[in-house]
PDB file of N, CA and C in Angstrom:
ATOM      1  N   MET A   1       0.989  -0.992  -0.211  1.00  0.00           N
ATOM      2  CA  MET A   1       0.199   0.107  -0.010  1.00  0.00           C
ATOM      3  C   MET A   1       1.019   1.295   0.030  1.00  0.00           C
ATOM      4  N   VAL A   2       0.308   2.238  -0.999  1.00  0.00           N
ATOM      5  CA  VAL A   2       0.923   3.419  -0.746  1.00  0.00           C
ATOM      6  C   VAL A   2      -0.379   4.648  -0.218  1.00  0.00           C
ATOM      7  N   THR A   3       0.604   5.892  -0.151  1.00  0.00           N
ATOM      8  CA  THR A   3      -0.777   7.213   0.110  1.00  0.00           C
ATOM      9  C   THR A   3      -0.464   8.023  -0.360  1.00  0.00           C
ATOM     10  N   PHE A   4      -1.325   8.746  -0.491  1.00  0.00           N
ATOM     11  CA  PHE A   4      -0.629  10.299  -1.854  1.00  0.00           C
ATOM     12  C   PHE A   4      -1.173  10.586  -0.835  1.00  0.00           C
ATOM     13  N   VAL A   5      -0.285  12.069  -0.776  1.00  0.00           N
ATOM     14  CA  VAL A   5      -0.363  13.086   0.488  1.00  0.00           C
ATOM     15  C   VAL A   5      -0.202  14.787  -0.782  1.00  0.00           C
ATOM     16  N   ASN A   6      -0.748  15.213  -0.452  1.00  0.00           N
ATOM     17  CA  ASN A   6      -1.331  16.145  -1.135  1.00  0.00           C
ATOM     18  C   ASN A   6      -1.806  17.444  -0.323  1.00  0.00           C
ATOM     19  N   LYS A   7      -0.498  17.990  -0.377  1.00  0.00           N
ATOM     20  CA  LYS A   7      -1.298  19.831   0.549  1.00  0.00           C
ATOM     21  C   LYS A   7      -1.580  20.515  -0.104  1.00  0.00           C
ATOM     22  N   LEU A   8      -2.725  21.185   0.059  1.00  0.00           N
ATOM     23  CA  LEU A   8      -2.994  22.117  -0.717  1.00  0.00           C
ATOM     24  C   LEU A   8      -3.432  23.932  -0.366  1.00  0.00           C
ATOM     25  N   THR A   9      -2.747  24.917  -0.874  1.00  0.00           N
ATOM     26  CA  THR A   9      -3.144  25.969  -0.896  1.00  0.00           C
ATOM     27  C   THR A   9      -4.185  26.844  -1.135  1.00  0.00           C
ATOM     28  N   VAL A  10      -5.046  27.149  -0.851  1.00  0.00           N
ATOM     29  CA  VAL A  10      -6.524  28.079  -1.699  1.00  0.00           C
ATOM     30  C   VAL A  10      -5.814  29.210  -1.289  1.00  0.00           C
ATOM     31  N   HIS A  11      -6.125  29.437  -2.988  1.00  0.00           N
ATOM     32  CA  HIS A  11      -5.403  31.200  -3.592  1.00  0.00           C
ATOM     33  C   HIS A  11      -6.637  31.663  -4.478  1.00  0.00           C
ATOM     34  N   GLY A  12      -7.979  30.881  -4.344  1.00  0.00           N
ATOM     35  CA  GLY A  12      -8.948  31.178  -5.024  1.00  0.00           C
ATOM     36  C   GLY A  12      -9.918  31.418  -4.397  1.00  0.00           C
ATOM     37  N   ASP A  13     -11.019  31.276  -5.162  1.00  0.00           N
ATOM     38  CA  ASP A  13     -12.507  31.026  -4.399  1.00  0.00           C
ATOM     39  C   ASP A  13     -12.543  29.688  -3.922  1.00  0.00           C
ATOM     40  N   MET A  14     -13.557  30.170  -3.111  1.00  0.00           N
ATOM     41  CA  MET A  14     -13.472  28.301  -1.947  1.00  0.00           C
ATOM     42  C   MET A  14     -14.882  27.726  -2.625  1.00  0.00           C
ATOM     43  N   ASP A  15     -15.392  28.061  -2.886  1.00  0.00           N
ATOM     44  CA  ASP A  15     -16.471  27.141  -3.382  1.00  0.00           C
ATOM     45  C   ASP A  15     -16.196  25.944  -4.653  1.00  0.00           C
ATOM     46  N   ALA A  16     -15.663  27.421  -5.309  1.00  0.00           N
ATOM     47  CA  ALA A  16     -14.974  26.807  -6.673  1.00  0.00           C
ATOM     48  C   ALA A  16     -13.946  25.298  -6.689  1.00  0.00           C
ATOM     49  N   PHE A  17     -13.008  25.911  -5.465  1.00  0.00           N
ATOM     50  CA  PHE A  17     -12.050  24.997  -5.013  1.00  0.00           C
ATOM     51  C   PHE A  17     -12.821  23.473  -3.949  1.00  0.00           C
ATOM     52  N   LEU A  18     -13.564  23.626  -3.687  1.00  0.00           N
ATOM     53  CA  LEU A  18     -14.179  22.390  -3.359  1.00  0.00           C
ATOM     54  C   LEU A  18     -15.836  21.567  -3.399  1.00  0.00           C
ATOM     55  N   ALA A  19     -15.600  22.602  -5.094  1.00  0.00           N
ATOM     56  CA  ALA A  19     -15.936  21.584  -5.873  1.00  0.00           C
ATOM     57  C   ALA A  19     -15.440  20.884  -6.924  1.00  0.00           C
ATOM     58  N   VAL A  20     -14.255  21.306  -7.815  1.00  0.00           N
ATOM     59  CA  VAL A  20     -13.347  20.890  -8.028  1.00  0.00           C
ATOM     60  C   VAL A  20     -13.251  19.590  -7.926  1.00  0.00           C
ATOM     61  N   LYS A  21     -12.013  20.188  -6.101  1.00  0.00           N
ATOM     62  CA  LYS A  21     -11.767  18.958  -5.055  1.00  0.00           C
ATOM     63  C   LYS A  21     -12.563  17.838  -4.735  1.00  0.00           C
ATOM     64  N   ASP A  22     -13.918  18.312  -4.919  1.00  0.00           N
ATOM     65  CA  ASP A  22     -15.013  16.842  -4.272  1.00  0.00           C
ATOM     66  C   ASP A  22     -14.851  16.139  -5.905  1.00  0.00           C
ATOM     67  N   ARG A  23     -15.032  16.986  -7.259  1.00  0.00           N
ATOM     68  CA  ARG A  23     -14.989  15.984  -8.687  1.00  0.00           C
ATOM     69  C   ARG A  23     -13.561  15.241  -8.773  1.00  0.00           C
ATOM     70  N   LEU A  24     -12.900  16.011  -8.326  1.00  0.00           N
ATOM     71  CA  LEU A  24     -11.739  14.865  -8.707  1.00  0.00           C
ATOM     72  C   LEU A  24     -11.581  13.624  -7.427  1.00  0.00           C
ATOM     73  N   THR A  25     -11.863  14.568  -6.154  1.00  0.00           N
ATOM     74  CA  THR A  25     -12.118  12.931  -5.233  1.00  0.00           C
ATOM     75  C   THR A  25     -12.826  11.685  -5.837  1.00  0.00           C
ATOM     76  N   ALA A  26     -13.766  11.596  -6.015  1.00  0.00           N
ATOM     77  CA  ALA A  26     -15.151  10.757  -6.677  1.00  0.00           C
ATOM     78  C   ALA A  26     -14.928  10.149  -7.955  1.00  0.00           C
ATOM     79  N   TYR A  27     -13.818  10.848  -8.794  1.00  0.00           N
ATOM     80  CA  TYR A  27     -13.039  10.752  -9.958  1.00  0.00           C
ATOM     81  C   TYR A  27     -11.810   9.427  -9.541  1.00  0.00           C
ATOM     82  N   MET A  28     -10.920   9.511  -8.673  1.00  0.00           N
ATOM     83  CA  MET A  28     -10.321   9.258  -7.948  1.00  0.00           C
ATOM     84  C   MET A  28     -10.951   7.548  -7.607  1.00  0.00           C
ATOM     85  N   SER A  29     -11.996   7.748  -6.047  1.00  0.00           N
ATOM     86  CA  SER A  29     -12.253   6.739  -5.576  1.00  0.00           C
ATOM     87  C   SER A  29     -13.207   5.535  -6.440  1.00  0.00           C
ATOM     88  N   ALA A  30     -12.839   5.845  -7.622  1.00  0.00           N
ATOM     89  CA  ALA A  30     -14.188   5.158  -9.087  1.00  0.00           C
ATOM     90  C   ALA A  30     -12.825   3.701  -9.151  1.00  0.00           C
ATOM     91  N   GLN A  31     -11.415   4.728  -9.134  1.00  0.00           N
ATOM     92  CA  GLN A  31     -10.302   3.777  -9.977  1.00  0.00           C
ATOM     93  C   GLN A  31      -9.923   2.351  -9.450  1.00  0.00           C
ATOM     94  N   PRO A  32      -9.258   1.586  -9.997  1.00  0.00           N
ATOM     95  CA  PRO A  32      -8.896   0.611  -9.849  1.00  0.00           C
ATOM     96  C   PRO A  32      -7.551   1.097  -8.489  1.00  0.00           C
ATOM     97  N   GLY A  33      -7.343   0.315  -7.945  1.00  0.00           N
ATOM     98  CA  GLY A  33      -6.339   0.369  -6.924  1.00  0.00           C
ATOM     99  C   GLY A  33      -6.443   1.411  -5.692  1.00  0.00           C
ATOM    100  N   TYR A  34      -7.479   2.337  -5.489  1.00  0.00           N
ATOM    101  CA  TYR A  34      -7.824   2.558  -4.540  1.00  0.00           C
ATOM    102  C   TYR A  34      -8.527   2.259  -3.211  1.00  0.00           C
ATOM    103  N   VAL A  35      -8.285   2.361  -2.456  1.00  0.00           N
ATOM    104  CA  VAL A  35      -8.582   2.089  -1.183  1.00  0.00           C
ATOM    105  C   VAL A  35     -10.063   3.206   0.021  1.00  0.00           C
ATOM    106  N   SER A  36      -9.334   4.677  -0.202  1.00  0.00           N
ATOM    107  CA  SER A  36      -9.828   5.046   1.095  1.00  0.00           C
ATOM    108  C   SER A  36      -9.520   6.927   0.902  1.00  0.00           C
ATOM    109  N   HIS A  37      -9.573   7.401   1.111  1.00  0.00           N
ATOM    110  CA  HIS A  37      -9.225   8.767   1.369  1.00  0.00           C
ATOM    111  C   HIS A  37      -9.385   9.711   2.944  1.00  0.00           C
ATOM    112  N   GLN A  38      -9.156  10.780   2.737  1.00  0.00           N
ATOM    113  CA  GLN A  38      -9.426  11.353   4.109  1.00  0.00           C
ATOM    114  C   GLN A  38      -9.125  13.221   3.767  1.00  0.00           C
ATOM    115  N   THR A  39     -10.280  14.086   3.718  1.00  0.00           N
ATOM    116  CA  THR A  39      -9.339  15.164   3.880  1.00  0.00           C
ATOM    117  C   THR A  39      -9.912  15.574   5.151  1.00  0.00           C
ATOM    118  N   LEU A  40      -8.339  16.586   5.857  1.00  0.00           N
ATOM    119  CA  LEU A  40      -8.194  17.089   6.843  1.00  0.00           C
ATOM    120  C   LEU A  40      -8.759  19.340   6.856  1.00  0.00           C
ATOM    121  N   ARG A  41      -8.506  19.830   7.398  1.00  0.00           N
ATOM    122  CA  ARG A  41      -8.091  20.907   6.797  1.00  0.00           C
ATOM    123  C   ARG A  41      -7.257  21.688   8.107  1.00  0.00           C
ATOM    124  N   GLN A  42      -6.150  22.381   7.900  1.00  0.00           N
ATOM    125  CA  GLN A  42      -4.942  23.316   9.196  1.00  0.00           C
ATOM    126  C   GLN A  42      -6.080  23.644   9.419  1.00  0.00           C
ATOM    127  N   ALA A  43      -6.079  23.911  11.082  1.00  0.00           N
ATOM    128  CA  ALA A  43      -6.461  24.753  11.981  1.00  0.00           C
ATOM    129  C   ALA A  43      -5.972  25.622  11.846  1.00  0.00           C
ATOM    130  N   GLY A  44      -6.749  26.727  12.248  1.00  0.00           N
ATOM    131  CA  GLY A  44      -6.624  28.486  12.269  1.00  0.00           C
ATOM    132  C   GLY A  44      -5.968  28.757  10.335  1.00  0.00           C
ATOM    133  N   GLN A  45      -6.070  27.767   9.864  1.00  0.00           N
ATOM    134  CA  GLN A  45      -5.969  28.036   8.361  1.00  0.00           C
ATOM    135  C   GLN A  45      -6.290  27.803   7.603  1.00  0.00           C
ATOM    136  N   PRO A  46      -8.273  28.338   7.500  1.00  0.00           N
ATOM    137  CA  PRO A  46      -8.801  27.146   7.035  1.00  0.00           C
ATOM    138  C   PRO A  46      -8.358  27.662   5.440  1.00  0.00           C
ATOM    139  N   ASN A  47      -7.389  28.407   4.265  1.00  0.00           N
ATOM    140  CA  ASN A  47      -7.305  27.643   2.710  1.00  0.00           C
ATOM    141  C   ASN A  47      -6.366  26.833   2.707  1.00  0.00           C
ATOM    142  N   VAL A  48      -5.732  25.811   4.009  1.00  0.00           N
ATOM    143  CA  VAL A  48      -4.552  24.583   3.572  1.00  0.00           C
ATOM    144  C   VAL A  48      -5.799  23.628   4.173  1.00  0.00           C
ATOM    145  N   TYR A  49      -5.590  22.582   2.567  1.00  0.00           N
ATOM    146  CA  TYR A  49      -6.282  21.466   3.381  1.00  0.00           C
ATOM    147  C   TYR A  49      -5.359  20.333   2.989  1.00  0.00           C
ATOM    148  N   LEU A  50      -5.211  18.961   3.682  1.00  0.00           N
ATOM    149  CA  LEU A  50      -4.208  18.395   3.224  1.00  0.00           C
ATOM    150  C   LEU A  50      -5.085  16.517   2.993  1.00  0.00           C
ATOM    151  N   GLU A  51      -5.074  16.344   1.712  1.00  0.00           N
ATOM    152  CA  GLU A  51      -5.778  15.456   1.027  1.00  0.00           C
ATOM    153  C   GLU A  51      -4.800  14.061   1.317  1.00  0.00           C
ATOM    154  N   LEU A  52      -5.639  12.719   1.853  1.00  0.00           N
ATOM    155  CA  LEU A  52      -4.842  11.641   1.774  1.00  0.00           C
ATOM    156  C   LEU A  52      -5.558  11.022   1.147  1.00  0.00           C
ATOM    157  N   ALA A  53      -4.941   9.956   0.773  1.00  0.00           N
ATOM    158  CA  ALA A  53      -5.467   8.882  -0.441  1.00  0.00           C
ATOM    159  C   ALA A  53      -4.479   7.496  -0.444  1.00  0.00           C
ATOM    160  N   VAL A  54      -5.219   6.272   0.580  1.00  0.00           N
ATOM    161  CA  VAL A  54      -4.561   5.421  -0.003  1.00  0.00           C
ATOM    162  C   VAL A  54      -4.397   4.201  -1.063  1.00  0.00           C
ATOM    163  N   TRP A  55      -3.783   4.380  -1.447  1.00  0.00           N
ATOM    164  CA  TRP A  55      -4.304   2.772  -2.690  1.00  0.00           C
ATOM    165  C   TRP A  55      -3.081   2.086  -2.354  1.00  0.00           C
ATOM    166  N   GLN A  56      -3.671   1.011  -3.359  1.00  0.00           N
ATOM    167  CA  GLN A  56      -3.109  -0.616  -3.741  1.00  0.00           C
ATOM    168  C   GLN A  56      -1.580  -0.377  -3.842  1.00  0.00           C
ATOM    169  N   ASP A  57      -1.457   0.009  -4.716  1.00  0.00           N
ATOM    170  CA  ASP A  57       0.752   0.100  -5.082  1.00  0.00           C
ATOM    171  C   ASP A  57       0.589   1.811  -5.630  1.00  0.00           C
ATOM    172  N   ALA A  58       1.999   2.071  -6.224  1.00  0.00           N
ATOM    173  CA  ALA A  58       1.939   3.411  -6.900  1.00  0.00           C
ATOM    174  C   ALA A  58       1.565   2.693  -8.079  1.00  0.00           C
ATOM    175  N   THR A  59       1.380   2.160  -8.716  1.00  0.00           N
ATOM    176  CA  THR A  59       1.375   1.520 -10.444  1.00  0.00           C
ATOM    177  C   THR A  59      -0.674   1.967 -10.515  1.00  0.00           C
ATOM    178  N   ALA A  60      -0.965   1.665  -9.537  1.00  0.00           N
ATOM    179  CA  ALA A  60      -2.844   2.171  -9.630  1.00  0.00           C
ATOM    180  C   ALA A  60      -2.899   3.753  -9.275  1.00  0.00           C
ATOM    181  N   HIS A  61      -1.669   4.056  -8.943  1.00  0.00           N
ATOM    182  CA  HIS A  61      -2.074   5.740  -8.740  1.00  0.00           C
ATOM    183  C   HIS A  61      -1.594   5.770  -9.764  1.00  0.00           C
ATOM    184  N   GLY A  62      -0.785   5.849 -10.054  1.00  0.00           N
ATOM    185  CA  GLY A  62       0.622   6.298 -11.165  1.00  0.00           C
ATOM    186  C   GLY A  62      -0.987   6.286 -12.710  1.00  0.00           C
ATOM    187  N   THR A  63      -1.459   5.147 -13.053  1.00  0.00           N
ATOM    188  CA  THR A  63      -2.119   5.095 -13.545  1.00  0.00           C
ATOM    189  C   THR A  63      -3.666   5.674 -13.818  1.00  0.00           C
ATOM    190  N   ALA A  64      -4.591   5.999 -12.307  1.00  0.00           N
ATOM    191  CA  ALA A  64      -4.987   6.868 -12.484  1.00  0.00           C
ATOM    192  C   ALA A  64      -4.958   8.891 -12.621  1.00  0.00           C
ATOM    193  N   VAL A  65      -3.757   8.901 -12.126  1.00  0.00           N
ATOM    194  CA  VAL A  65      -3.054  10.434 -12.274  1.00  0.00           C
ATOM    195  C   VAL A  65      -2.711  10.751 -13.894  1.00  0.00           C
ATOM    196  N   ARG A  66      -2.510   9.581 -14.894  1.00  0.00           N
ATOM    197  CA  ARG A  66      -2.372   9.879 -16.244  1.00  0.00           C
ATOM    198  C   ARG A  66      -3.052   9.757 -16.854  1.00  0.00           C
ATOM    199  N   SER A  67      -4.834   9.331 -16.756  1.00  0.00           N
ATOM    200  CA  SER A  67      -5.754   9.150 -17.557  1.00  0.00           C
ATOM    201  C   SER A  67      -5.801  11.066 -17.497  1.00  0.00           C
ATOM    202  N   LYS A  68      -6.202  10.776 -19.346  1.00  0.00           N
ATOM    203  CA  LYS A  68      -7.112  12.317 -19.385  1.00  0.00           C
ATOM    204  C   LYS A  68      -8.139  12.928 -18.972  1.00  0.00           C
ATOM    205  N   GLU A  69      -8.646  12.316 -18.007  1.00  0.00           N
ATOM    206  CA  GLU A  69      -9.979  12.657 -17.466  1.00  0.00           C
ATOM    207  C   GLU A  69      -9.589  13.382 -15.633  1.00  0.00           C
ATOM    208  N   PHE A  70      -8.152  12.434 -15.710  1.00  0.00           N
ATOM    209  CA  PHE A  70      -7.592  13.455 -14.344  1.00  0.00           C
ATOM    210  C   PHE A  70      -7.182  14.197 -14.665  1.00  0.00           C
ATOM    211  N   GLN A  71      -6.387  14.618 -16.132  1.00  0.00           N
ATOM    212  CA  GLN A  71      -5.760  15.788 -16.362  1.00  0.00           C
ATOM    213  C   GLN A  71      -6.446  16.736 -16.423  1.00  0.00           C
ATOM    214  N   SER A  72      -7.430  16.443 -16.799  1.00  0.00           N
ATOM    215  CA  SER A  72      -8.950  17.583 -17.415  1.00  0.00           C
ATOM    216  C   SER A  72      -9.531  17.538 -16.251  1.00  0.00           C
ATOM    217  N   LEU A  73      -8.999  17.624 -15.312  1.00  0.00           N
ATOM    218  CA  LEU A  73     -10.216  17.838 -13.824  1.00  0.00           C
ATOM    219  C   LEU A  73      -9.325  18.821 -12.601  1.00  0.00           C
ATOM    220  N   VAL A  74      -7.874  18.316 -12.800  1.00  0.00           N
ATOM    221  CA  VAL A  74      -6.788  18.795 -11.999  1.00  0.00           C
ATOM    222  C   VAL A  74      -6.593  20.085 -13.018  1.00  0.00           C
ATOM    223  N   ARG A  75      -6.102  20.112 -14.172  1.00  0.00           N
ATOM    224  CA  ARG A  75      -6.518  21.722 -14.960  1.00  0.00           C
ATOM    225  C   ARG A  75      -7.197  22.414 -14.116  1.00  0.00           C
ATOM    226  N   ARG A  76      -8.095  22.559 -13.403  1.00  0.00           N
ATOM    227  CA  ARG A  76      -9.130  22.995 -13.527  1.00  0.00           C
ATOM    228  C   ARG A  76      -9.135  24.334 -11.676  1.00  0.00           C
ATOM    229  N   LEU A  77      -8.189  22.226 -11.329  1.00  0.00           N
ATOM    230  CA  LEU A  77      -7.574  23.093  -9.466  1.00  0.00           C
ATOM    231  C   LEU A  77      -7.022  24.105  -9.722  1.00  0.00           C
ATOM    232  N   ARG A  78      -5.374  24.020 -10.986  1.00  0.00           N
ATOM    233  CA  ARG A  78      -4.165  24.825 -10.697  1.00  0.00           C
ATOM    234  C   ARG A  78      -4.325  26.694 -10.315  1.00  0.00           C
ATOM    235  N   PRO A  79      -5.733  27.081 -11.286  1.00  0.00           N
ATOM    236  CA  PRO A  79      -6.243  28.101 -11.023  1.00  0.00           C
ATOM    237  C   PRO A  79      -6.773  28.248  -9.664  1.00  0.00           C
ATOM    238  N   LEU A  80      -6.900  27.817  -8.606  1.00  0.00           N
ATOM    239  CA  LEU A  80      -7.562  28.212  -7.772  1.00  0.00           C
ATOM    240  C   LEU A  80      -6.332  27.556  -6.125  1.00  0.00           C
ATOM    241  N   ALA A  81      -5.231  26.646  -6.532  1.00  0.00           N
ATOM    242  CA  ALA A  81      -5.123  26.266  -5.370  1.00  0.00           C
ATOM    243  C   ALA A  81      -3.567  25.613  -5.757  1.00  0.00           C
ATOM    244  N   THR A  82      -2.148  25.899  -4.895  1.00  0.00           N
ATOM    245  CA  THR A  82      -1.508  25.628  -5.055  1.00  0.00           C
ATOM    246  C   THR A  82      -1.181  24.296  -4.156  1.00  0.00           C
ATOM    247  N   PRO A  83      -0.820  23.196  -5.191  1.00  0.00           N
ATOM    248  CA  PRO A  83      -0.866  21.615  -4.603  1.00  0.00           C
ATOM    249  C   PRO A  83       1.186  21.772  -4.308  1.00  0.00           C
ATOM    250  N   GLU A  84       1.342  20.336  -3.240  1.00  0.00           N
ATOM    251  CA  GLU A  84       2.318  19.876  -3.059  1.00  0.00           C
ATOM    252  C   GLU A  84       2.055  19.030  -2.790  1.00  0.00           C
ATOM    253  N   PRO A  85       1.576  18.056  -3.740  1.00  0.00           N
ATOM    254  CA  PRO A  85       1.763  16.698  -3.391  1.00  0.00           C
ATOM    255  C   PRO A  85       2.862  15.057  -3.483  1.00  0.00           C
ATOM    256  N   GLY A  86       2.452  14.218  -3.334  1.00  0.00           N
ATOM    257  CA  GLY A  86       3.569  13.523  -2.909  1.00  0.00           C
ATOM    258  C   GLY A  86       2.586  12.227  -2.469  1.00  0.00           C
ATOM    259  N   LEU A  87       3.906  10.743  -2.838  1.00  0.00           N
ATOM    260  CA  LEU A  87       3.825   9.343  -2.515  1.00  0.00           C
ATOM    261  C   LEU A  87       4.202   8.843  -1.660  1.00  0.00           C
ATOM    262  N   TYR A  88       3.270   8.088  -0.683  1.00  0.00           N
ATOM    263  CA  TYR A  88       4.400   7.956   0.564  1.00  0.00           C
ATOM    264  C   TYR A  88       4.010   6.500   0.538  1.00  0.00           C
ATOM    265  N   GLU A  89       5.298   5.937   1.121  1.00  0.00           N
ATOM    266  CA  GLU A  89       5.541   4.680   1.394  1.00  0.00           C
ATOM    267  C   GLU A  89       5.161   4.448   3.207  1.00  0.00           C
ATOM    268  N   THR A  90       4.351   3.395   4.053  1.00  0.00           N
ATOM    269  CA  THR A  90       4.519   3.295   5.461  1.00  0.00           C
ATOM    270  C   THR A  90       5.777   2.680   5.893  1.00  0.00           C
ATOM    271  N   VAL A  91       6.434   3.600   6.665  1.00  0.00           N
ATOM    272  CA  VAL A  91       7.315   2.964   7.631  1.00  0.00           C
ATOM    273  C   VAL A  91       7.468   2.504   8.841  1.00  0.00           C
ATOM    274  N   GLU A  92       6.703   3.081   9.160  1.00  0.00           N
ATOM    275  CA  GLU A  92       6.286   2.661  10.980  1.00  0.00           C
ATOM    276  C   GLU A  92       4.428   3.085  10.902  1.00  0.00           C
ATOM    277  N   ALA A  93       3.689   1.891  12.025  1.00  0.00           N
ATOM    278  CA  ALA A  93       2.555   2.158  11.799  1.00  0.00           C
ATOM    279  C   ALA A  93       2.329   1.756  13.291  1.00  0.00           C
ATOM    280  N   GLY A  94       1.383   2.448  14.380  1.00  0.00           N
ATOM    281  CA  GLY A  94       1.251   1.974  15.650  1.00  0.00           C
ATOM    282  C   GLY A  94      -0.608   2.396  15.376  1.00  0.00           C
ATOM    283  N   ALA A  95      -0.910   1.817  17.149  1.00  0.00           N
ATOM    284  CA  ALA A  95      -2.570   1.653  16.879  1.00  0.00           C
ATOM    285  C   ALA A  95      -2.645   3.154  17.658  1.00  0.00           C
TER     286      ALA A  95
END
């Protein structure tokens, strides 16, 4: 399993950002290899979000982000937020 982590700093219209983010989440959650996701908002910074998405493997995630539909959706996000994405492997986990 791998976890995609994306910090998004919103600098555009918040409602437009949330609408695009929701469309992206719906698309990604329907892709093969998708396991789960969580959206967090930074306390005291209402324009900073953290998206966490668990995937079965890096290949499944890579296939999803290279698709034409994903690329079309993510283009709509760029004028609204600055992304800081990364794909992470679990090193240690606890209860």
